Protein backbone atom coordinates (compact mmCIF):
# COMPACT_ATOMS: atom_id res chain seq x y z
CA MET A 1 -0.35 34.61 6.39
CA LYS A 2 0.93 31.13 7.08
CA TYR A 3 -0.77 28.45 8.85
CA ARG A 4 0.19 25.20 10.76
CA ILE A 5 -2.03 22.09 11.54
CA ALA A 6 -0.44 20.99 14.65
CA ALA A 7 -1.50 19.42 17.92
CA ALA A 8 -4.60 20.74 19.76
CA SER A 9 -2.30 22.90 22.14
CA THR A 10 -0.80 24.74 19.36
CA ALA A 11 -3.21 24.62 16.49
CA THR A 12 -4.22 27.39 14.46
CA VAL A 13 -7.68 28.05 12.83
CA LEU A 14 -7.95 26.96 9.31
CA ALA A 15 -10.00 27.36 6.27
CA ALA A 16 -12.24 24.53 5.35
CA THR A 17 -9.87 22.80 3.13
CA ALA A 18 -6.59 24.63 3.96
CA LEU A 19 -3.48 22.83 5.19
CA LEU A 20 -0.45 24.51 6.82
CA SER A 21 2.67 26.08 5.64
CA GLY A 22 6.07 26.15 7.52
CA CYS A 23 7.02 29.13 9.33
CA GLY A 24 10.42 29.74 7.72
CA SER A 25 11.96 33.22 7.46
CA PRO A 26 11.84 35.28 4.14
CA ASP A 27 14.39 34.09 1.62
CA GLY A 28 16.98 36.70 0.69
CA ASP A 29 19.31 34.61 -1.28
CA GLY A 30 17.83 33.66 -4.64
CA PRO A 31 19.24 33.33 -8.15
CA SER A 32 19.97 37.07 -8.46
CA SER A 33 22.11 37.03 -5.17
CA SER A 34 25.87 37.78 -5.31
CA GLY A 35 27.99 34.75 -4.91
CA PRO A 36 27.52 31.08 -5.62
CA VAL A 37 24.72 29.24 -4.20
CA GLU A 38 25.04 25.49 -3.24
CA LEU A 39 21.97 23.47 -2.72
CA THR A 40 21.74 19.69 -1.35
CA TYR A 41 18.92 17.46 -2.45
CA TRP A 42 17.89 14.44 -0.71
CA ALA A 43 16.14 11.97 -2.97
CA TRP A 44 15.75 8.09 -3.70
CA ALA A 45 14.94 8.00 -7.43
CA PRO A 46 17.82 6.55 -9.49
CA GLY A 47 19.71 8.84 -11.79
CA LEU A 48 18.49 12.14 -10.23
CA ASP A 49 22.20 12.94 -9.82
CA LYS A 50 22.73 12.86 -13.56
CA VAL A 51 19.58 14.98 -14.21
CA ALA A 52 21.08 17.55 -11.47
CA ASP A 53 24.41 17.57 -13.44
CA LEU A 54 22.46 18.89 -16.66
CA TRP A 55 21.32 21.76 -14.28
CA ASN A 56 24.78 22.49 -12.94
CA ALA A 57 26.30 22.51 -16.28
CA GLY A 58 23.60 24.83 -17.87
CA GLU A 59 21.13 26.82 -16.04
CA GLY A 60 23.13 26.38 -12.73
CA LYS A 61 26.28 27.75 -14.15
CA LYS A 62 24.67 30.78 -15.49
CA SER A 63 22.98 31.43 -12.20
CA GLY A 64 25.62 30.17 -9.73
CA ILE A 65 23.46 27.64 -8.31
CA THR A 66 24.79 24.10 -7.77
CA VAL A 67 22.77 21.26 -6.75
CA THR A 68 24.28 18.01 -5.07
CA VAL A 69 22.01 15.06 -4.90
CA LYS A 70 22.54 12.74 -1.83
CA LYS A 71 20.85 9.29 -2.26
CA GLN A 72 18.56 8.27 0.69
CA ALA A 73 16.04 5.45 1.56
CA SER A 74 12.43 6.11 0.56
CA GLY A 75 9.13 5.87 2.25
CA ASP A 76 8.80 6.11 5.83
CA ASP A 77 12.50 6.19 6.58
CA LEU A 78 13.10 9.31 4.63
CA VAL A 79 10.15 11.04 6.27
CA THR A 80 11.46 10.03 9.72
CA LYS A 81 15.06 11.08 8.83
CA ILE A 82 13.95 14.60 7.32
CA ILE A 83 11.59 15.36 10.28
CA THR A 84 14.69 14.51 12.69
CA ALA A 85 16.92 16.77 10.78
CA ALA A 86 14.40 19.69 10.63
CA LYS A 87 14.12 19.54 14.35
CA ALA A 88 17.62 20.10 14.41
CA HIS A 89 17.71 22.87 11.89
CA LYS A 90 19.86 20.61 9.63
CA ALA A 91 17.46 19.67 6.91
CA PRO A 92 18.71 19.73 3.30
CA ASP A 93 17.55 22.54 0.88
CA LEU A 94 15.43 20.15 -1.10
CA VAL A 95 13.83 16.82 -0.59
CA GLN A 96 12.01 14.35 -2.62
CA ALA A 97 8.62 13.80 -1.02
CA GLU A 98 5.83 11.25 -1.72
CA TYR A 99 2.25 13.09 -1.99
CA GLN A 100 0.89 11.29 0.91
CA ALA A 101 3.88 12.33 3.11
CA LEU A 102 3.29 16.07 2.56
CA PRO A 103 0.75 16.67 5.22
CA THR A 104 3.16 14.80 7.58
CA LEU A 105 5.94 16.98 6.77
CA VAL A 106 3.88 20.09 6.66
CA SER A 107 2.50 19.59 9.98
CA ASN A 108 6.19 19.24 11.44
CA ASP A 109 7.10 22.45 9.92
CA VAL A 110 9.63 21.03 7.69
CA LEU A 111 8.42 22.38 4.04
CA ALA A 112 8.38 25.94 2.81
CA ASP A 113 5.54 27.49 0.88
CA ILE A 114 6.94 27.96 -2.76
CA SER A 115 3.84 29.28 -4.25
CA LYS A 116 5.25 32.69 -5.20
CA GLU A 117 8.23 31.06 -6.88
CA ALA A 118 6.09 28.64 -8.96
CA GLY A 119 4.59 31.32 -11.37
CA ASP A 120 2.45 29.74 -13.75
CA ALA A 121 3.64 26.15 -13.10
CA GLU A 122 0.10 25.15 -12.15
CA ASP A 123 -0.78 25.03 -15.86
CA GLU A 124 1.64 22.30 -16.32
CA PHE A 125 -0.33 19.67 -14.36
CA ALA A 126 -3.52 18.01 -13.94
CA ALA A 127 -5.65 19.40 -11.39
CA GLY A 128 -5.68 16.46 -9.18
CA VAL A 129 -1.92 16.16 -9.16
CA TRP A 130 -1.54 19.81 -8.42
CA GLN A 131 -4.08 19.43 -5.42
CA GLN A 132 -1.85 16.89 -3.81
CA ALA A 133 0.96 19.35 -3.69
CA THR A 134 -1.18 22.34 -2.40
CA LEU A 135 -3.06 20.14 0.12
CA GLY A 136 -6.15 21.99 -1.02
CA SER A 137 -4.86 25.39 0.17
CA ASP A 138 -3.63 28.70 -1.67
CA ALA A 139 0.10 27.49 -0.68
CA LEU A 140 2.36 25.27 -2.53
CA TYR A 141 4.41 22.75 -0.54
CA ALA A 142 6.23 21.02 -3.41
CA MET A 143 6.67 20.86 -7.20
CA PRO A 144 4.89 17.56 -8.55
CA GLN A 145 7.53 15.37 -10.03
CA ASP A 146 5.95 12.06 -11.05
CA SER A 147 2.53 10.44 -11.00
CA GLY A 148 1.10 6.90 -10.90
CA PRO A 149 -2.44 7.03 -12.64
CA LEU A 150 -4.26 3.67 -12.32
CA MET A 151 -5.08 1.68 -15.35
CA PHE A 152 -6.10 -1.85 -16.38
CA TYR A 153 -3.77 -4.53 -17.78
CA TYR A 154 -4.83 -7.69 -19.26
CA ARG A 155 -3.48 -10.54 -21.05
CA GLN A 156 -4.68 -9.97 -24.83
CA ASP A 157 -4.05 -13.50 -25.91
CA LEU A 158 -6.08 -15.02 -22.88
CA PHE A 159 -8.83 -12.79 -23.36
CA LYS A 160 -9.14 -13.56 -26.84
CA GLN A 161 -8.90 -17.45 -26.09
CA TYR A 162 -11.56 -17.18 -23.48
CA GLY A 163 -13.69 -14.76 -25.38
CA LEU A 164 -13.50 -12.12 -22.80
CA THR A 165 -14.31 -8.41 -23.37
CA VAL A 166 -12.37 -5.63 -21.84
CA PRO A 167 -14.50 -4.06 -19.01
CA THR A 168 -15.40 -0.61 -19.06
CA THR A 169 -17.18 -0.34 -16.07
CA TRP A 170 -16.83 -2.30 -12.50
CA ASP A 171 -19.95 -4.02 -13.22
CA GLU A 172 -18.48 -5.36 -16.39
CA PHE A 173 -15.26 -6.20 -14.51
CA ALA A 174 -17.13 -8.40 -12.02
CA GLU A 175 -18.99 -10.24 -14.80
CA THR A 176 -15.67 -10.73 -16.67
CA ALA A 177 -14.23 -12.33 -13.56
CA ARG A 178 -17.27 -14.59 -13.28
CA ALA A 179 -17.09 -15.52 -16.79
CA LEU A 180 -13.47 -16.46 -16.70
CA LYS A 181 -13.99 -18.83 -13.80
CA GLU A 182 -16.86 -20.59 -15.44
CA LYS A 183 -14.57 -21.26 -18.56
CA ALA A 184 -11.34 -21.82 -16.70
CA PRO A 185 -11.99 -22.42 -12.92
CA GLU A 186 -8.27 -22.84 -12.43
CA LYS A 187 -7.56 -19.06 -13.45
CA ASP A 188 -8.31 -15.85 -12.02
CA LEU A 189 -9.11 -12.56 -13.55
CA THR A 190 -6.97 -10.79 -10.89
CA THR A 191 -6.28 -10.94 -7.11
CA PHE A 192 -7.08 -8.60 -4.18
CA SER A 193 -3.96 -7.87 -2.21
CA SER A 194 -4.08 -6.78 1.26
CA ASN A 195 -0.45 -5.83 1.00
CA ASP A 196 -1.17 -2.75 -1.11
CA SER A 197 -2.87 -0.02 0.87
CA GLY A 198 -1.80 2.43 -1.75
CA LEU A 199 -3.71 0.67 -4.61
CA PHE A 200 -6.87 0.60 -2.46
CA ALA A 201 -6.43 4.20 -1.77
CA GLY A 202 -6.26 4.93 -5.45
CA LEU A 203 -9.34 2.96 -6.02
CA ALA A 204 -11.20 4.72 -3.32
CA GLN A 205 -9.87 8.32 -4.91
CA GLN A 206 -11.60 7.16 -8.22
CA ALA A 207 -14.93 6.54 -6.45
CA GLY A 208 -14.80 10.08 -4.93
CA ALA A 209 -13.32 9.41 -1.50
CA THR A 210 -11.80 12.24 0.55
CA TRP A 211 -10.01 10.51 3.47
CA TRP A 212 -8.84 13.45 5.31
CA THR A 213 -9.98 17.07 5.37
CA THR A 214 -9.77 19.90 7.85
CA GLY A 215 -12.07 22.51 9.15
CA ASP A 216 -12.58 24.65 12.39
CA ASP A 217 -9.22 23.63 13.39
CA LYS A 218 -9.87 20.05 13.41
CA TRP A 219 -9.21 16.87 11.13
CA LYS A 220 -12.11 14.92 9.93
CA VAL A 221 -11.50 11.22 8.86
CA ALA A 222 -13.61 9.77 6.26
CA ILE A 223 -12.06 6.63 5.30
CA ASP A 224 -15.31 4.49 6.13
CA ASP A 225 -17.33 6.84 3.84
CA PRO A 226 -19.91 5.69 1.24
CA ALA A 227 -17.30 6.07 -1.49
CA THR A 228 -14.64 3.87 0.03
CA ARG A 229 -17.43 1.52 1.30
CA LYS A 230 -18.47 0.98 -2.28
CA VAL A 231 -15.23 0.13 -3.26
CA ALA A 232 -14.49 -2.23 -0.24
CA ASP A 233 -17.87 -4.12 -0.61
CA PHE A 234 -17.11 -4.49 -4.46
CA TRP A 235 -13.78 -6.20 -3.94
CA GLY A 236 -14.78 -7.85 -0.64
CA GLY A 237 -17.87 -9.34 -2.48
CA LEU A 238 -15.56 -10.70 -5.33
CA VAL A 239 -13.18 -12.47 -2.96
CA LYS A 240 -15.96 -13.85 -0.86
CA GLU A 241 -17.78 -15.60 -3.75
CA GLY A 242 -14.33 -16.73 -5.17
CA ALA A 243 -14.66 -14.74 -8.38
CA ILE A 244 -11.02 -13.40 -7.95
CA ASP A 245 -7.98 -14.54 -5.89
CA ASN A 246 -7.33 -13.31 -2.41
CA GLN A 247 -3.46 -13.69 -2.34
CA PRO A 248 -1.02 -10.81 -1.79
CA MET A 249 1.02 -9.34 -4.76
CA TYR A 250 4.96 -9.17 -5.06
CA THR A 251 5.44 -12.71 -3.80
CA PRO A 252 7.03 -15.54 -5.76
CA ALA A 253 3.42 -17.20 -6.09
CA TRP A 254 2.08 -14.06 -7.56
CA ASN A 255 4.90 -13.63 -10.06
CA LYS A 256 4.23 -17.23 -11.07
CA ALA A 257 0.66 -16.70 -11.58
CA LEU A 258 1.38 -13.64 -13.82
CA ASN A 259 4.05 -15.59 -15.63
CA THR A 260 1.89 -18.75 -16.49
CA GLY A 261 -1.22 -17.00 -17.02
CA LYS A 262 -2.99 -18.19 -13.84
CA GLN A 263 -3.91 -14.37 -13.36
CA VAL A 264 -4.86 -12.80 -16.58
CA ALA A 265 -5.38 -9.20 -15.62
CA TRP A 266 -3.91 -6.50 -13.27
CA VAL A 267 -5.28 -3.37 -11.83
CA SER A 268 -2.14 -1.22 -11.51
CA ALA A 269 -0.67 1.93 -12.33
CA VAL A 270 1.20 3.46 -15.23
CA TRP A 271 4.74 2.00 -13.84
CA ALA A 272 3.42 -1.52 -14.17
CA PRO A 273 5.49 -2.51 -17.43
CA GLY A 274 8.51 -2.20 -15.26
CA THR A 275 7.03 -4.66 -12.71
CA LEU A 276 5.74 -7.01 -15.37
CA THR A 277 9.16 -7.14 -17.01
CA THR A 278 10.77 -8.80 -14.00
CA ALA A 279 7.78 -10.78 -12.51
CA ALA A 280 6.41 -12.11 -15.70
CA PRO A 281 9.28 -12.14 -18.34
CA ASP A 282 7.82 -14.95 -20.46
CA THR A 283 4.66 -12.77 -21.14
CA ARG A 284 6.32 -10.11 -23.04
CA GLY A 285 4.36 -8.49 -25.96
CA LYS A 286 1.14 -10.49 -24.59
CA TRP A 287 -0.09 -7.59 -22.46
CA ALA A 288 -2.35 -4.59 -23.29
CA MET A 289 -3.32 -1.52 -21.44
CA ALA A 290 -6.88 -0.01 -20.99
CA PRO A 291 -8.43 2.68 -18.86
CA LEU A 292 -9.50 1.61 -15.38
CA PRO A 293 -13.23 0.43 -15.23
CA GLN A 294 -15.56 3.23 -14.32
CA TRP A 295 -18.45 3.42 -11.65
CA LYS A 296 -20.55 5.23 -14.41
CA THR A 297 -20.43 4.52 -17.94
CA GLY A 298 -18.62 7.09 -20.05
CA GLU A 299 -16.63 8.65 -17.21
CA ASN A 300 -12.86 9.13 -17.37
CA VAL A 301 -11.76 9.25 -13.80
CA THR A 302 -8.73 7.35 -12.12
CA GLY A 303 -6.92 7.47 -8.94
CA SER A 304 -3.18 7.37 -8.09
CA TRP A 305 -0.76 4.76 -6.73
CA GLY A 306 2.51 6.28 -5.97
CA GLY A 307 4.08 9.53 -7.16
CA SER A 308 6.43 12.15 -5.53
CA SER A 309 7.20 15.63 -5.58
CA THR A 310 10.31 17.83 -5.08
CA ALA A 311 9.94 20.25 -1.98
CA VAL A 312 11.94 22.94 -0.36
CA THR A 313 12.59 22.97 3.44
CA ASN A 314 12.26 25.86 5.70
CA ASP A 315 15.89 25.27 6.78
CA SER A 316 17.13 26.17 3.30
CA GLU A 317 18.95 29.55 3.67
CA HIS A 318 18.49 29.83 -0.35
CA LYS A 319 14.61 28.92 -0.74
CA GLU A 320 14.13 30.96 -3.74
CA ALA A 321 17.01 29.29 -5.54
CA ALA A 322 16.01 25.88 -4.45
CA ALA A 323 12.50 26.63 -5.72
CA THR A 324 13.70 27.61 -9.04
CA PHE A 325 15.55 24.36 -9.47
CA ALA A 326 12.56 22.52 -8.16
CA LYS A 327 10.63 24.21 -11.09
CA TRP A 328 13.03 23.63 -13.65
CA LEU A 329 13.48 19.98 -12.61
CA ASN A 330 9.85 19.15 -13.12
CA THR A 331 8.69 21.56 -15.94
CA ASP A 332 11.76 21.90 -18.17
CA ALA A 333 11.53 19.71 -21.40
CA THR A 334 15.26 18.73 -21.26
CA ALA A 335 14.95 17.98 -17.54
CA LEU A 336 11.72 15.90 -17.92
CA THR A 337 13.36 14.01 -20.80
CA ALA A 338 16.29 13.12 -18.48
CA LEU A 339 13.87 12.19 -15.55
CA VAL A 340 12.19 9.54 -17.93
CA LYS A 341 15.58 8.25 -19.28
CA GLU A 342 17.55 8.24 -16.01
CA SER A 343 15.05 7.75 -13.29
CA GLY A 344 12.44 5.86 -15.29
CA ILE A 345 9.63 8.09 -13.95
CA TYR A 346 6.34 9.02 -15.46
CA PRO A 347 6.39 12.83 -15.19
CA ALA A 348 3.58 14.78 -13.62
CA ALA A 349 3.89 17.42 -16.06
CA THR A 350 1.03 16.60 -18.73
CA ALA A 351 3.34 18.14 -21.78
CA ALA A 352 5.98 15.46 -21.03
CA GLN A 353 3.52 12.43 -20.88
CA THR A 354 3.87 12.05 -24.62
CA GLY A 355 6.65 12.59 -27.20
CA GLY A 356 10.15 12.86 -26.38
CA ALA A 357 11.48 9.81 -24.23
CA LEU A 358 7.84 8.69 -24.06
CA THR A 359 7.30 8.59 -27.92
CA GLN A 360 7.67 4.76 -27.97
CA ALA A 361 5.92 2.22 -25.88
CA PRO A 362 7.56 0.41 -23.21
CA VAL A 363 9.61 -2.55 -24.55
CA PHE A 364 7.27 -5.03 -22.65
CA PHE A 365 4.35 -3.30 -24.62
CA SER A 366 5.80 -3.16 -28.10
CA ASN A 367 2.61 -4.67 -29.25
CA GLN A 368 0.78 -1.43 -27.93
CA PRO A 369 2.49 1.56 -29.84
CA ASP A 370 -0.05 3.84 -28.53
CA PHE A 371 0.75 3.14 -24.82
CA TYR A 372 1.71 6.46 -23.63
CA ALA A 373 -0.74 8.38 -25.57
CA THR A 374 -3.31 6.19 -23.82
CA ALA A 375 -1.79 6.77 -20.47
CA ALA A 376 -1.90 10.56 -20.93
CA GLU A 377 -5.69 10.63 -21.74
CA ILE A 378 -6.17 8.28 -18.64
CA ALA A 379 -3.93 10.77 -16.59
CA LYS A 380 -6.09 13.93 -17.28
CA GLY A 381 -8.93 12.30 -15.29
CA THR A 382 -6.64 11.79 -12.14
CA ALA A 383 -8.90 12.43 -9.21
CA PRO A 384 -7.64 14.50 -6.15
CA ALA A 385 -6.35 12.79 -3.22
CA ALA A 386 -6.68 13.94 0.40
CA TRP A 387 -3.90 12.99 2.62
CA GLY A 388 -3.56 13.59 6.60
CA PRO A 389 -0.71 13.49 8.95
CA ASN A 390 -0.99 9.72 9.76
CA VAL A 391 -1.29 7.91 6.55
CA ASN A 392 1.25 5.37 7.84
CA VAL A 393 -1.31 4.26 10.64
CA ALA A 394 -3.99 4.15 8.16
CA TYR A 395 -1.97 1.88 5.88
CA THR A 396 -0.82 -0.33 8.59
CA ALA A 397 -4.38 -0.80 9.79
CA PHE A 398 -5.54 -1.56 6.15
CA LYS A 399 -2.95 -4.30 5.91
CA ASP A 400 -3.69 -5.73 9.23
CA ASN A 401 -7.60 -6.04 9.06
CA PHE A 402 -7.87 -6.48 5.25
CA ALA A 403 -5.41 -9.35 5.28
CA GLN A 404 -7.50 -11.34 7.86
CA ALA A 405 -10.72 -10.49 6.04
CA ALA A 406 -9.32 -11.49 2.47
CA LYS A 407 -8.15 -14.69 4.05
CA ASN A 408 -11.19 -15.62 5.59
CA LYS A 409 -13.21 -14.43 2.60
CA SER A 410 -15.58 -12.76 5.12
CA GLY A 411 -16.07 -9.33 3.46
CA PHE A 412 -14.55 -6.15 3.88
CA GLY A 413 -16.78 -3.95 5.91
CA PRO A 414 -15.72 -4.54 9.49
CA ALA A 415 -12.20 -4.20 8.03
CA LEU A 416 -12.61 -0.71 6.77
CA THR A 417 -14.51 0.44 9.98
CA ALA A 418 -11.26 -0.87 11.91
CA MET A 419 -9.16 1.14 9.56
CA GLN A 420 -11.27 4.31 10.21
CA ASP A 421 -11.29 3.91 13.95
CA ALA A 422 -7.39 3.08 14.21
CA THR A 423 -6.65 6.33 12.02
CA VAL A 424 -8.92 8.54 14.38
CA ALA A 425 -7.63 6.89 17.32
CA ASP A 426 -4.08 7.87 16.45
CA LEU A 427 -4.78 11.32 15.59
CA LYS A 428 -6.30 11.94 19.17
CA LYS A 429 -3.45 10.18 20.84
CA GLN A 430 -1.09 12.58 19.08
CA GLY A 431 -3.27 15.47 20.28
CA PHE A 432 -4.87 16.68 17.09
CA GLY A 433 -8.36 17.82 17.18
CA VAL A 434 -10.69 15.54 15.38
CA SER A 435 -14.35 16.12 14.33
CA GLU A 436 -16.57 13.19 14.34
């Protein structure tokens, strides 16, 4: 049976954690069908056309399936475009979709359930990553492509200079921030950035937050839950006491702080080396990476910041063929090596997170040869994420409310409540059933 989470007037009763699948017709045109099959793939990652060329010259040539990549904008722009195309029944066969966009695409009946075609692909991915593609149901709405496990980056030289110890818990993180302020008042351990809702979401995931769930044909929003409030109070407290900076990231001022050593650490994701290369070019070889500080000593839990998947649309007339390509793209060793080389991604498939193209550390971290081995161990502890159909509204509310709270150094409790209220109000406005 297929399900759809829709507005209250058309909603279907769901299992406690199940989220919808699209309502496309069965696919009769797979790899074994007679005649060539031509597929179109909308994506934004660089170099995906080169990876598709490998398919076309190899497995695609054998099976008669040709894939053409058409470059698109990323983020909300692509989500809007693909929904519009689907309403006109003109969506492409495949689309690159960020994990947090999947519920929105599913609730708009854009994506097909490819669980039958996936076979044993689940074994290739960490449970928390796979869950983001299934939305907690028995269906599979996309094949995980890349992931962004959170970790802790720090200036080795400055930690040594100021006698700082790499924190393994968040309590130690706070003490490290205070110790640095005492020894070097002009420096900050890090900053809290109200521009980066994705980072905050990942930190909440690590703490055990589940922001959107479904049951009894309704959505439940738990952004202002104990886990997230713990995270908000922790960071809001550090900002309020002046132990860390309160300026947004990805600005010229932030780049300068990283490059000059005014900011000596950064909570970020596995893709951070690329950012540091351009933001702090003078610090090459001075950084190191460690696991994210934990809420409980000895745990290995991390959240995600970023990541995308390969989905098959209900408009595709060749769903089986499209699913076959999506599986190859994200589990085949040759394809994964090419994805790392051509697209610069950190693959979601666990087997590809070490060795091959990731044998050597990023150039910026040549001083840490075990960079990717450490990252792979961290990624195993990726916590599941629970997304809903209006992530964009929640993220906007985060930026609006947390920005003011960070500026005023007033604590983040009221900002978190406002984020919750805005998200619930929007769901109701759209006609979704919401349980209080």
